[in-house]
Every structure is written in structure tokens, then in C-alpha cells.
PDB file of N, CA and C in Angstrom:
ATOM      1  N   MET A   1    -108.873 -55.553  93.950  1.00  0.00           N
ATOM      2  CA  MET A   1    -108.352 -54.543  93.056  1.00  0.00           C
ATOM      3  C   MET A   1    -106.897 -54.225  93.389  1.00  0.00           C
ATOM      4  N   TYR A   2    -106.558 -54.194  94.672  1.00  0.00           N
ATOM      5  CA  TYR A   2    -105.195 -53.865  95.091  1.00  0.00           C
ATOM      6  C   TYR A   2    -104.195 -54.893  94.571  1.00  0.00           C
ATOM      7  N   LYS A   3    -104.535 -56.149  94.609  1.00  0.00           N
ATOM      8  CA  LYS A   3    -103.618 -57.188  94.164  1.00  0.00           C
ATOM      9  C   LYS A   3    -103.396 -57.149  92.653  1.00  0.00           C
ATOM     10  N   LYS A   4    -104.355 -56.677  91.902  1.00  0.00           N
ATOM     11  CA  LYS A   4    -104.205 -56.609  90.457  1.00  0.00           C
ATOM     12  C   LYS A   4    -103.253 -55.484  90.047  1.00  0.00           C
ATOM     13  N   VAL A   5    -103.252 -54.387  90.770  1.00  0.00           N
ATOM     14  CA  VAL A   5    -102.407 -53.250  90.423  1.00  0.00           C
ATOM     15  C   VAL A   5    -100.992 -53.451  90.939  1.00  0.00           C
ATOM     16  N   PHE A   6    -100.863 -53.904  92.159  1.00  0.00           N
ATOM     17  CA  PHE A   6     -99.544 -54.013  92.785  1.00  0.00           C
ATOM     18  C   PHE A   6     -99.128 -55.479  92.835  1.00  0.00           C
ATOM     19  N   ASN A   7     -98.617 -55.971  91.709  1.00  0.00           N
ATOM     20  CA  ASN A   7     -98.079 -57.314  91.671  1.00  0.00           C
ATOM     21  C   ASN A   7     -96.590 -57.236  91.378  1.00  0.00           C
ATOM     22  N   LYS A   8     -95.920 -58.370  91.308  1.00  0.00           N
ATOM     23  CA  LYS A   8     -94.469 -58.393  91.101  1.00  0.00           C
ATOM     24  C   LYS A   8     -94.058 -57.716  89.792  1.00  0.00           C
ATOM     25  N   LYS A   9     -94.881 -57.875  88.771  1.00  0.00           N
ATOM     26  CA  LYS A   9     -94.544 -57.296  87.474  1.00  0.00           C
ATOM     27  C   LYS A   9     -94.616 -55.774  87.507  1.00  0.00           C
ATOM     28  N   ASN A  10     -95.633 -55.224  88.117  1.00  0.00           N
ATOM     29  CA  ASN A  10     -95.806 -53.774  88.166  1.00  0.00           C
ATOM     30  C   ASN A  10     -95.005 -53.127  89.280  1.00  0.00           C
ATOM     31  N   ALA A  11     -94.610 -53.894  90.287  1.00  0.00           N
ATOM     32  CA  ALA A  11     -93.910 -53.327  91.440  1.00  0.00           C
ATOM     33  C   ALA A  11     -92.604 -52.663  91.026  1.00  0.00           C
ATOM     34  N   PHE A  12     -91.875 -53.273  90.107  1.00  0.00           N
ATOM     35  CA  PHE A  12     -90.611 -52.698  89.664  1.00  0.00           C
ATOM     36  C   PHE A  12     -90.812 -51.307  89.078  1.00  0.00           C
ATOM     37  N   TYR A  13     -91.832 -51.151  88.262  1.00  0.00           N
ATOM     38  CA  TYR A  13     -92.080 -49.857  87.623  1.00  0.00           C
ATOM     39  C   TYR A  13     -92.560 -48.819  88.632  1.00  0.00           C
ATOM     40  N   ILE A  14     -93.312 -49.238  89.615  1.00  0.00           N
ATOM     41  CA  ILE A  14     -93.749 -48.318  90.671  1.00  0.00           C
ATOM     42  C   ILE A  14     -92.545 -47.844  91.469  1.00  0.00           C
ATOM     43  N   TYR A  15     -91.652 -48.778  91.829  1.00  0.00           N
ATOM     44  CA  TYR A  15     -90.447 -48.404  92.572  1.00  0.00           C
ATOM     45  C   TYR A  15     -89.529 -47.530  91.727  1.00  0.00           C
ATOM     46  N   LEU A  16     -89.502 -47.768  90.428  1.00  0.00           N
ATOM     47  CA  LEU A  16     -88.667 -46.950  89.554  1.00  0.00           C
ATOM     48  C   LEU A  16     -89.176 -45.512  89.481  1.00  0.00           C
ATOM     49  N   VAL A  17     -90.478 -45.343  89.432  1.00  0.00           N
ATOM     50  CA  VAL A  17     -91.061 -43.994  89.452  1.00  0.00           C
ATOM     51  C   VAL A  17     -90.772 -43.316  90.788  1.00  0.00           C
ATOM     52  N   LEU A  18     -90.903 -44.054  91.874  1.00  0.00           N
ATOM     53  CA  LEU A  18     -90.614 -43.480  93.191  1.00  0.00           C
ATOM     54  C   LEU A  18     -89.128 -43.129  93.323  1.00  0.00           C
ATOM     55  N   ALA A  19     -88.241 -43.952  92.774  1.00  0.00           N
ATOM     56  CA  ALA A  19     -86.808 -43.651  92.800  1.00  0.00           C
ATOM     57  C   ALA A  19     -86.507 -42.393  91.997  1.00  0.00           C
ATOM     58  N   THR A  20     -87.188 -42.229  90.880  1.00  0.00           N
ATOM     59  CA  THR A  20     -87.012 -41.024  90.066  1.00  0.00           C
ATOM     60  C   THR A  20     -87.478 -39.783  90.816  1.00  0.00           C
ATOM     61  N   LEU A  21     -88.614 -39.893  91.487  1.00  0.00           N
ATOM     62  CA  LEU A  21     -89.106 -38.754  92.275  1.00  0.00           C
ATOM     63  C   LEU A  21     -88.156 -38.436  93.427  1.00  0.00           C
ATOM     64  N   ASP A  22     -87.587 -39.467  94.040  1.00  0.00           N
ATOM     65  CA  ASP A  22     -86.608 -39.262  95.104  1.00  0.00           C
ATOM     66  C   ASP A  22     -85.376 -38.537  94.564  1.00  0.00           C
ATOM     67  N   GLY A  23     -84.892 -38.968  93.417  1.00  0.00           N
ATOM     68  CA  GLY A  23     -83.738 -38.317  92.805  1.00  0.00           C
ATOM     69  C   GLY A  23     -84.017 -36.875  92.414  1.00  0.00           C
ATOM     70  N   LEU A  24     -85.211 -36.613  91.902  1.00  0.00           N
ATOM     71  CA  LEU A  24     -85.581 -35.235  91.568  1.00  0.00           C
ATOM     72  C   LEU A  24     -85.657 -34.357  92.812  1.00  0.00           C
ATOM     73  N   ALA A  25     -86.160 -34.910  93.910  1.00  0.00           N
ATOM     74  CA  ALA A  25     -86.232 -34.141  95.158  1.00  0.00           C
ATOM     75  C   ALA A  25     -84.823 -33.822  95.673  1.00  0.00           C
ATOM     76  N   ILE A  26     -83.923 -34.785  95.605  1.00  0.00           N
ATOM     77  CA  ILE A  26     -82.537 -34.554  96.041  1.00  0.00           C
ATOM     78  C   ILE A  26     -81.876 -33.508  95.147  1.00  0.00           C
ATOM     79  N   ALA A  27     -82.093 -33.589  93.834  1.00  0.00           N
ATOM     80  CA  ALA A  27     -81.505 -32.611  92.915  1.00  0.00           C
ATOM     81  C   ALA A  27     -82.076 -31.217  93.139  1.00  0.00           C
ATOM     82  N   CYS A  28     -83.364 -31.146  93.483  1.00  0.00           N
ATOM     83  CA  CYS A  28     -83.986 -29.844  93.746  1.00  0.00           C
ATOM     84  C   CYS A  28     -83.356 -29.186  94.972  1.00  0.00           C
ATOM     85  N   VAL A  29     -83.148 -29.976  96.006  1.00  0.00           N
ATOM     86  CA  VAL A  29     -82.504 -29.439  97.218  1.00  0.00           C
ATOM     87  C   VAL A  29     -81.060 -29.065  96.912  1.00  0.00           C
ATOM     88  N   ASP A  30     -80.358 -29.898  96.167  1.00  0.00           N
ATOM     89  CA  ASP A  30     -78.949 -29.651  95.871  1.00  0.00           C
ATOM     90  C   ASP A  30     -78.749 -28.427  94.989  1.00  0.00           C
ATOM     91  N   SER A  31     -79.733 -28.079  94.190  1.00  0.00           N
ATOM     92  CA  SER A  31     -79.578 -26.947  93.268  1.00  0.00           C
ATOM     93  C   SER A  31     -79.914 -25.601  93.908  1.00  0.00           C
ATOM     94  N   GLN A  32     -80.327 -25.596  95.147  1.00  0.00           N
ATOM     95  CA  GLN A  32     -80.642 -24.332  95.816  1.00  0.00           C
ATOM     96  C   GLN A  32     -79.376 -23.493  95.983  1.00  0.00           C
ATOM     97  N   PRO A  33     -79.474 -22.182  95.889  1.00  0.00           N
ATOM     98  CA  PRO A  33     -78.276 -21.330  95.932  1.00  0.00           C
ATOM     99  C   PRO A  33     -77.532 -21.380  97.264  1.00  0.00           C
ATOM    100  N   ASN A  34     -78.217 -21.584  98.362  1.00  0.00           N
ATOM    101  CA  ASN A  34     -77.552 -21.587  99.663  1.00  0.00           C
ATOM    102  C   ASN A  34     -77.154 -22.981 100.125  1.00  0.00           C
ATOM    103  N   TRP A  35     -77.373 -23.999  99.331  1.00  0.00           N
ATOM    104  CA  TRP A  35     -77.032 -25.367  99.708  1.00  0.00           C
ATOM    105  C   TRP A  35     -75.582 -25.626  99.329  1.00  0.00           C
ATOM    106  N   ASP A  36     -74.769 -25.900 100.332  1.00  0.00           N
ATOM    107  CA  ASP A  36     -73.348 -26.119 100.090  1.00  0.00           C
ATOM    108  C   ASP A  36     -72.849 -27.299 100.907  1.00  0.00           C
ATOM    109  N   ASP A  37     -73.632 -28.366 100.965  1.00  0.00           N
ATOM    110  CA  ASP A  37     -73.256 -29.519 101.770  1.00  0.00           C
ATOM    111  C   ASP A  37     -73.309 -30.776 100.912  1.00  0.00           C
ATOM    112  N   SER A  38     -72.205 -31.059 100.268  1.00  0.00           N
ATOM    113  CA  SER A  38     -72.147 -32.202  99.363  1.00  0.00           C
ATOM    114  C   SER A  38     -72.236 -33.527 100.105  1.00  0.00           C
ATOM    115  N   GLY A  39     -71.755 -33.556 101.336  1.00  0.00           N
ATOM    116  CA  GLY A  39     -71.799 -34.788 102.123  1.00  0.00           C
ATOM    117  C   GLY A  39     -73.216 -35.255 102.388  1.00  0.00           C
ATOM    118  N   VAL A  40     -74.096 -34.322 102.698  1.00  0.00           N
ATOM    119  CA  VAL A  40     -75.496 -34.668 102.938  1.00  0.00           C
ATOM    120  C   VAL A  40     -76.148 -35.127 101.635  1.00  0.00           C
ATOM    121  N   THR A  41     -75.815 -34.488 100.536  1.00  0.00           N
ATOM    122  CA  THR A  41     -76.359 -34.884  99.236  1.00  0.00           C
ATOM    123  C   THR A  41     -75.931 -36.303  98.876  1.00  0.00           C
ATOM    124  N   VAL A  42     -74.658 -36.620  99.069  1.00  0.00           N
ATOM    125  CA  VAL A  42     -74.170 -37.969  98.777  1.00  0.00           C
ATOM    126  C   VAL A  42     -74.837 -38.988  99.704  1.00  0.00           C
ATOM    127  N   PHE A  43     -75.003 -38.640 100.963  1.00  0.00           N
ATOM    128  CA  PHE A  43     -75.672 -39.541 101.910  1.00  0.00           C
ATOM    129  C   PHE A  43     -77.114 -39.811 101.474  1.00  0.00           C
ATOM    130  N   LEU A  44     -77.829 -38.781 101.050  1.00  0.00           N
ATOM    131  CA  LEU A  44     -79.208 -38.964 100.587  1.00  0.00           C
ATOM    132  C   LEU A  44     -79.274 -39.822  99.323  1.00  0.00           C
ATOM    133  N   ILE A  45     -78.317 -39.639  98.426  1.00  0.00           N
ATOM    134  CA  ILE A  45     -78.272 -40.469  97.220  1.00  0.00           C
ATOM    135  C   ILE A  45     -78.033 -41.926  97.586  1.00  0.00           C
ATOM    136  N   ILE A  46     -77.077 -42.172  98.474  1.00  0.00           N
ATOM    137  CA  ILE A  46     -76.775 -43.552  98.867  1.00  0.00           C
ATOM    138  C   ILE A  46     -77.966 -44.201  99.549  1.00  0.00           C
ATOM    139  N   ILE A  47     -78.580 -43.509 100.493  1.00  0.00           N
ATOM    140  CA  ILE A  47     -79.720 -44.079 101.219  1.00  0.00           C
ATOM    141  C   ILE A  47     -80.886 -44.355 100.268  1.00  0.00           C
ATOM    142  N   GLY A  48     -81.193 -43.409  99.403  1.00  0.00           N
ATOM    143  CA  GLY A  48     -82.276 -43.625  98.439  1.00  0.00           C
ATOM    144  C   GLY A  48     -81.985 -44.781  97.507  1.00  0.00           C
ATOM    145  N   ALA A  49     -80.744 -44.884  97.039  1.00  0.00           N
ATOM    146  CA  ALA A  49     -80.388 -45.969  96.122  1.00  0.00           C
ATOM    147  C   ALA A  49     -80.411 -47.323  96.820  1.00  0.00           C
ATOM    148  N   VAL A  50     -79.971 -47.375  98.071  1.00  0.00           N
ATOM    149  CA  VAL A  50     -80.021 -48.637  98.817  1.00  0.00           C
ATOM    150  C   VAL A  50     -81.467 -49.082  99.001  1.00  0.00           C
ATOM    151  N   ILE A  51     -82.325 -48.165  99.377  1.00  0.00           N
ATOM    152  CA  ILE A  51     -83.737 -48.514  99.611  1.00  0.00           C
ATOM    153  C   ILE A  51     -84.387 -49.015  98.328  1.00  0.00           C
ATOM    154  N   PHE A  52     -84.209 -48.297  97.236  1.00  0.00           N
ATOM    155  CA  PHE A  52     -84.868 -48.703  95.999  1.00  0.00           C
ATOM    156  C   PHE A  52     -84.174 -49.881  95.329  1.00  0.00           C
ATOM    157  N   GLY A  53     -82.878 -50.047  95.541  1.00  0.00           N
ATOM    158  CA  GLY A  53     -82.203 -51.252  95.068  1.00  0.00           C
ATOM    159  C   GLY A  53     -82.692 -52.482  95.811  1.00  0.00           C
ATOM    160  N   PHE A  54     -83.001 -52.314  97.081  1.00  0.00           N
ATOM    161  CA  PHE A  54     -83.543 -53.398  97.890  1.00  0.00           C
ATOM    162  C   PHE A  54     -84.973 -53.738  97.474  1.00  0.00           C
ATOM    163  N   LEU A  55     -85.773 -52.726  97.241  1.00  0.00           N
ATOM    164  CA  LEU A  55     -87.186 -52.947  96.922  1.00  0.00           C
ATOM    165  C   LEU A  55     -87.408 -53.448  95.497  1.00  0.00           C
ATOM    166  N   ALA A  56     -86.641 -52.955  94.542  1.00  0.00           N
ATOM    167  CA  ALA A  56     -86.913 -53.258  93.137  1.00  0.00           C
ATOM    168  C   ALA A  56     -86.597 -54.703  92.755  1.00  0.00           C
ATOM    169  N   GLU A  57     -85.622 -55.321  93.364  1.00  0.00           N
ATOM    170  CA  GLU A  57     -85.265 -56.731  93.173  1.00  0.00           C
ATOM    171  C   GLU A  57     -84.704 -57.083  91.806  1.00  0.00           C
ATOM    172  N   LYS A  58     -84.609 -56.164  90.872  1.00  0.00           N
ATOM    173  CA  LYS A  58     -83.960 -56.437  89.591  1.00  0.00           C
ATOM    174  C   LYS A  58     -83.448 -55.118  89.020  1.00  0.00           C
ATOM    175  N   LYS A  59     -82.515 -55.229  88.107  1.00  0.00           N
ATOM    176  CA  LYS A  59     -81.914 -54.072  87.426  1.00  0.00           C
ATOM    177  C   LYS A  59     -81.464 -52.984  88.396  1.00  0.00           C
ATOM    178  N   PRO A  60     -80.500 -53.295  89.277  1.00  0.00           N
ATOM    179  CA  PRO A  60     -80.046 -52.262  90.219  1.00  0.00           C
ATOM    180  C   PRO A  60     -79.382 -51.081  89.525  1.00  0.00           C
ATOM    181  N   TRP A  61     -78.811 -51.299  88.355  1.00  0.00           N
ATOM    182  CA  TRP A  61     -78.189 -50.180  87.651  1.00  0.00           C
ATOM    183  C   TRP A  61     -79.230 -49.132  87.263  1.00  0.00           C
ATOM    184  N   LEU A  62     -80.438 -49.584  86.958  1.00  0.00           N
ATOM    185  CA  LEU A  62     -81.486 -48.648  86.555  1.00  0.00           C
ATOM    186  C   LEU A  62     -82.033 -47.876  87.756  1.00  0.00           C
ATOM    187  N   THR A  63     -82.167 -48.549  88.884  1.00  0.00           N
ATOM    188  CA  THR A  63     -82.634 -47.831  90.079  1.00  0.00           C
ATOM    189  C   THR A  63     -81.572 -46.848  90.567  1.00  0.00           C
ATOM    190  N   GLY A  64     -80.297 -47.239  90.488  1.00  0.00           N
ATOM    191  CA  GLY A  64     -79.227 -46.305  90.848  1.00  0.00           C
ATOM    192  C   GLY A  64     -79.184 -45.101  89.938  1.00  0.00           C
ATOM    193  N   LEU A  65     -79.414 -45.332  88.661  1.00  0.00           N
ATOM    194  CA  LEU A  65     -79.443 -44.236  87.694  1.00  0.00           C
ATOM    195  C   LEU A  65     -80.650 -43.332  87.922  1.00  0.00           C
ATOM    196  N   ALA A  66     -81.783 -43.923  88.261  1.00  0.00           N
ATOM    197  CA  ALA A  66     -82.997 -43.126  88.494  1.00  0.00           C
ATOM    198  C   ALA A  66     -82.832 -42.198  89.692  1.00  0.00           C
ATOM    199  N   VAL A  67     -82.102 -42.646  90.702  1.00  0.00           N
ATOM    200  CA  VAL A  67     -81.901 -41.809  91.887  1.00  0.00           C
ATOM    201  C   VAL A  67     -80.836 -40.745  91.636  1.00  0.00           C
ATOM    202  N   SER A  68     -79.751 -41.103  90.960  1.00  0.00           N
ATOM    203  CA  SER A  68     -78.591 -40.211  90.953  1.00  0.00           C
ATOM    204  C   SER A  68     -78.336 -39.450  89.657  1.00  0.00           C
ATOM    205  N   CYS A  69     -79.110 -39.625  88.620  1.00  0.00           N
ATOM    206  CA  CYS A  69     -78.784 -38.966  87.350  1.00  0.00           C
ATOM    207  C   CYS A  69     -79.198 -37.501  87.307  1.00  0.00           C
ATOM    208  N   TRP A  70     -80.052 -37.064  88.187  1.00  0.00           N
ATOM    209  CA  TRP A  70     -80.623 -35.722  88.085  1.00  0.00           C
ATOM    210  C   TRP A  70     -79.648 -34.631  88.504  1.00  0.00           C
ATOM    211  N   ILE A  71     -78.773 -34.909  89.445  1.00  0.00           N
ATOM    212  CA  ILE A  71     -77.787 -33.906  89.867  1.00  0.00           C
ATOM    213  C   ILE A  71     -76.799 -33.609  88.738  1.00  0.00           C
ATOM    214  N   PRO A  72     -76.196 -34.634  88.098  1.00  0.00           N
ATOM    215  CA  PRO A  72     -75.302 -34.310  86.980  1.00  0.00           C
ATOM    216  C   PRO A  72     -76.016 -33.632  85.807  1.00  0.00           C
ATOM    217  N   LEU A  73     -77.229 -34.055  85.519  1.00  0.00           N
ATOM    218  CA  LEU A  73     -77.950 -33.418  84.416  1.00  0.00           C
ATOM    219  C   LEU A  73     -78.178 -31.936  84.688  1.00  0.00           C
ATOM    220  N   TRP A  74     -78.572 -31.606  85.908  1.00  0.00           N
ATOM    221  CA  TRP A  74     -78.794 -30.204  86.249  1.00  0.00           C
ATOM    222  C   TRP A  74     -77.481 -29.419  86.218  1.00  0.00           C
ATOM    223  N   ALA A  75     -76.400 -30.025  86.715  1.00  0.00           N
ATOM    224  CA  ALA A  75     -75.118 -29.326  86.748  1.00  0.00           C
ATOM    225  C   ALA A  75     -74.569 -29.081  85.353  1.00  0.00           C
ATOM    226  N   VAL A  76     -74.738 -30.023  84.460  1.00  0.00           N
ATOM    227  CA  VAL A  76     -74.240 -29.845  83.093  1.00  0.00           C
ATOM    228  C   VAL A  76     -75.068 -28.792  82.358  1.00  0.00           C
ATOM    229  N   VAL A  77     -76.375 -28.840  82.533  1.00  0.00           N
ATOM    230  CA  VAL A  77     -77.235 -27.884  81.833  1.00  0.00           C
ATOM    231  C   VAL A  77     -77.039 -26.470  82.365  1.00  0.00           C
ATOM    232  N   SER A  78     -76.936 -26.316  83.672  1.00  0.00           N
ATOM    233  CA  SER A  78     -76.897 -24.969  84.246  1.00  0.00           C
ATOM    234  C   SER A  78     -75.502 -24.363  84.303  1.00  0.00           C
ATOM    235  N   THR A  79     -74.474 -25.156  84.605  1.00  0.00           N
ATOM    236  CA  THR A  79     -73.137 -24.583  84.806  1.00  0.00           C
ATOM    237  C   THR A  79     -72.045 -25.253  83.989  1.00  0.00           C
ATOM    238  N   HIS A  80     -72.381 -26.202  83.149  1.00  0.00           N
ATOM    239  CA  HIS A  80     -71.405 -26.948  82.348  1.00  0.00           C
ATOM    240  C   HIS A  80     -70.347 -27.613  83.225  1.00  0.00           C
ATOM    241  N   ASN A  81     -70.776 -28.121  84.381  1.00  0.00           N
ATOM    242  CA  ASN A  81     -69.894 -28.791  85.331  1.00  0.00           C
ATOM    243  C   ASN A  81     -69.973 -30.297  85.087  1.00  0.00           C
ATOM    244  N   TYR A  82     -69.060 -30.829  84.295  1.00  0.00           N
ATOM    245  CA  TYR A  82     -69.071 -32.243  83.971  1.00  0.00           C
ATOM    246  C   TYR A  82     -68.526 -33.111  85.102  1.00  0.00           C
ATOM    247  N   GLY A  83     -67.894 -32.499  86.071  1.00  0.00           N
ATOM    248  CA  GLY A  83     -67.425 -33.238  87.242  1.00  0.00           C
ATOM    249  C   GLY A  83     -68.566 -33.756  88.107  1.00  0.00           C
ATOM    250  N   ALA A  84     -69.757 -33.239  87.896  1.00  0.00           N
ATOM    251  CA  ALA A  84     -70.912 -33.685  88.674  1.00  0.00           C
ATOM    252  C   ALA A  84     -71.326 -35.105  88.323  1.00  0.00           C
ATOM    253  N   PHE A  85     -70.803 -35.646  87.223  1.00  0.00           N
ATOM    254  CA  PHE A  85     -71.111 -37.035  86.890  1.00  0.00           C
ATOM    255  C   PHE A  85     -70.560 -38.004  87.928  1.00  0.00           C
ATOM    256  N   LEU A  86     -69.697 -37.517  88.813  1.00  0.00           N
ATOM    257  CA  LEU A  86     -69.229 -38.352  89.921  1.00  0.00           C
ATOM    258  C   LEU A  86     -70.360 -38.694  90.887  1.00  0.00           C
ATOM    259  N   ALA A  87     -71.454 -37.961  90.837  1.00  0.00           N
ATOM    260  CA  ALA A  87     -72.604 -38.264  91.698  1.00  0.00           C
ATOM    261  C   ALA A  87     -73.278 -39.571  91.303  1.00  0.00           C
ATOM    262  N   LEU A  88     -72.977 -40.082  90.121  1.00  0.00           N
ATOM    263  CA  LEU A  88     -73.539 -41.368  89.713  1.00  0.00           C
ATOM    264  C   LEU A  88     -72.928 -42.528  90.496  1.00  0.00           C
ATOM    265  N   ILE A  89     -71.698 -42.373  90.938  1.00  0.00           N
ATOM    266  CA  ILE A  89     -71.002 -43.469  91.622  1.00  0.00           C
ATOM    267  C   ILE A  89     -71.702 -43.883  92.913  1.00  0.00           C
ATOM    268  N   PRO A  90     -72.021 -42.954  93.837  1.00  0.00           N
ATOM    269  CA  PRO A  90     -72.727 -43.402  95.042  1.00  0.00           C
ATOM    270  C   PRO A  90     -74.105 -43.985  94.753  1.00  0.00           C
ATOM    271  N   GLY A  91     -74.744 -43.523  93.688  1.00  0.00           N
ATOM    272  CA  GLY A  91     -76.042 -44.084  93.320  1.00  0.00           C
ATOM    273  C   GLY A  91     -75.940 -45.543  92.902  1.00  0.00           C
ATOM    274  N   PHE A  92     -74.951 -45.843  92.077  1.00  0.00           N
ATOM    275  CA  PHE A  92     -74.762 -47.226  91.649  1.00  0.00           C
ATOM    276  C   PHE A  92     -74.308 -48.117  92.799  1.00  0.00           C
ATOM    277  N   ILE A  93     -73.403 -47.607  93.614  1.00  0.00           N
ATOM    278  CA  ILE A  93     -72.933 -48.394  94.761  1.00  0.00           C
ATOM    279  C   ILE A  93     -74.097 -48.699  95.699  1.00  0.00           C
ATOM    280  N   GLY A  94     -74.892 -47.703  96.013  1.00  0.00           N
ATOM    281  CA  GLY A  94     -76.025 -47.906  96.902  1.00  0.00           C
ATOM    282  C   GLY A  94     -77.052 -48.875  96.343  1.00  0.00           C
ATOM    283  N   ALA A  95     -77.345 -48.764  95.056  1.00  0.00           N
ATOM    284  CA  ALA A  95     -78.329 -49.661  94.440  1.00  0.00           C
ATOM    285  C   ALA A  95     -77.846 -51.107  94.460  1.00  0.00           C
ATOM    286  N   TYR A  96     -76.572 -51.321  94.186  1.00  0.00           N
ATOM    287  CA  TYR A  96     -76.050 -52.685  94.204  1.00  0.00           C
ATOM    288  C   TYR A  96     -75.938 -53.235  95.617  1.00  0.00           C
ATOM    289  N   VAL A  97     -75.656 -52.385  96.596  1.00  0.00           N
ATOM    290  CA  VAL A  97     -75.647 -52.845  97.996  1.00  0.00           C
ATOM    291  C   VAL A  97     -77.041 -53.310  98.395  1.00  0.00           C
ATOM    292  N   GLY A  98     -78.063 -52.533  98.086  1.00  0.00           N
ATOM    293  CA  GLY A  98     -79.430 -52.927  98.403  1.00  0.00           C
ATOM    294  C   GLY A  98     -79.857 -54.180  97.658  1.00  0.00           C
ATOM    295  N   TYR A  99     -79.466 -54.282  96.398  1.00  0.00           N
ATOM    296  CA  TYR A  99     -79.823 -55.444  95.576  1.00  0.00           C
ATOM    297  C   TYR A  99     -79.192 -56.722  96.129  1.00  0.00           C
ATOM    298  N   TYR A 100     -77.892 -56.672  96.418  1.00  0.00           N
ATOM    299  CA  TYR A 100     -77.216 -57.868  96.917  1.00  0.00           C
ATOM    300  C   TYR A 100     -77.597 -58.189  98.355  1.00  0.00           C
ATOM    301  N   PHE A 101     -77.959 -57.189  99.124  1.00  0.00           N
ATOM    302  CA  PHE A 101     -78.460 -57.453 100.469  1.00  0.00           C
ATOM    303  C   PHE A 101     -79.770 -58.223 100.397  1.00  0.00           C
ATOM    304  N   LYS A 102     -80.639 -57.823  99.480  1.00  0.00           N
ATOM    305  CA  LYS A 102     -81.926 -58.516  99.292  1.00  0.00           C
ATOM    306  C   LYS A 102     -81.699 -59.941  98.807  1.00  0.00           C
ATOM    307  N   ARG A 103     -80.767 -60.119  97.887  1.00  0.00           N
ATOM    308  CA  ARG A 103     -80.450 -61.476  97.396  1.00  0.00           C
ATOM    309  C   ARG A 103     -79.857 -62.327  98.498  1.00  0.00           C
ATOM    310  N   GLY A 104     -79.092 -61.723  99.379  1.00  0.00           N
ATOM    311  CA  GLY A 104     -78.502 -62.460 100.492  1.00  0.00           C
ATOM    312  C   GLY A 104     -79.538 -62.924 101.507  1.00  0.00           C
ATOM    313  N   LEU A 105     -80.636 -62.199 101.607  1.00  0.00           N
ATOM    314  CA  LEU A 105     -81.692 -62.583 102.551  1.00  0.00           C
ATOM    315  C   LEU A 105     -82.536 -63.746 102.045  1.00  0.00           C
ATOM    316  N   LYS A 106     -82.524 -63.972 100.724  1.00  0.00           N
ATOM    317  CA  LYS A 106     -83.349 -65.047 100.158  1.00  0.00           C
ATOM    318  C   LYS A 106     -82.729 -66.396 100.381  1.00  0.00           C
TER     319      LYS A 106
END
């Protein structure tokens, strides 16, 4: 039963859901009123994107977006801060680093 559910075809979607949950958790922590450490937030985005870019093995742009899109969405909705879209950059960089690292190992 395990092999039927977790195969190469379904693995990407499972990792994408996990990347989305990771991004939501990072955005939840970042949106707290007493949280004022952008460096830690960027580090968490990069690490999450590298891990899921490595695991997903295809479409690194989508895994990077799944991890990093939640912070800008929350910032635009709550405070109209469009500068938060810069948080997408570390997500994409991290996802592509993980993706190309995995390709380099093959």
C-alpha cells in the first residue's frame, strides 16, 4: 500500500503540500506583532526552499513560490506593503539551488 501512494508521480504533490505548509508556518511566525527579525525569516525561507527544491526534483519555481509567497500576500492584505514581494527572491534562489544540487548529484 505504501508504494502505491508514495511514488514518483505523487511525491511532487506531497512535497508541494509540505512546502506550502512550511511557508504558512514561516508567515505565521513573521506576522506576529513582536517578531522583528527579518534575517531569521529570510534564512528560514532559504532553508525551506532548498530542502523542497532538492526533494521535489521538478518545477523549482513552484516549490520556491509555495514556500515564499505567503509573507508578501499577508503583508499586502494587512498593511498594503508591496515591498514584501522581495521575500520571493530568496525562495526562488533557494529552490533553484536545491534543484541544481540534486541534478548535480545524478
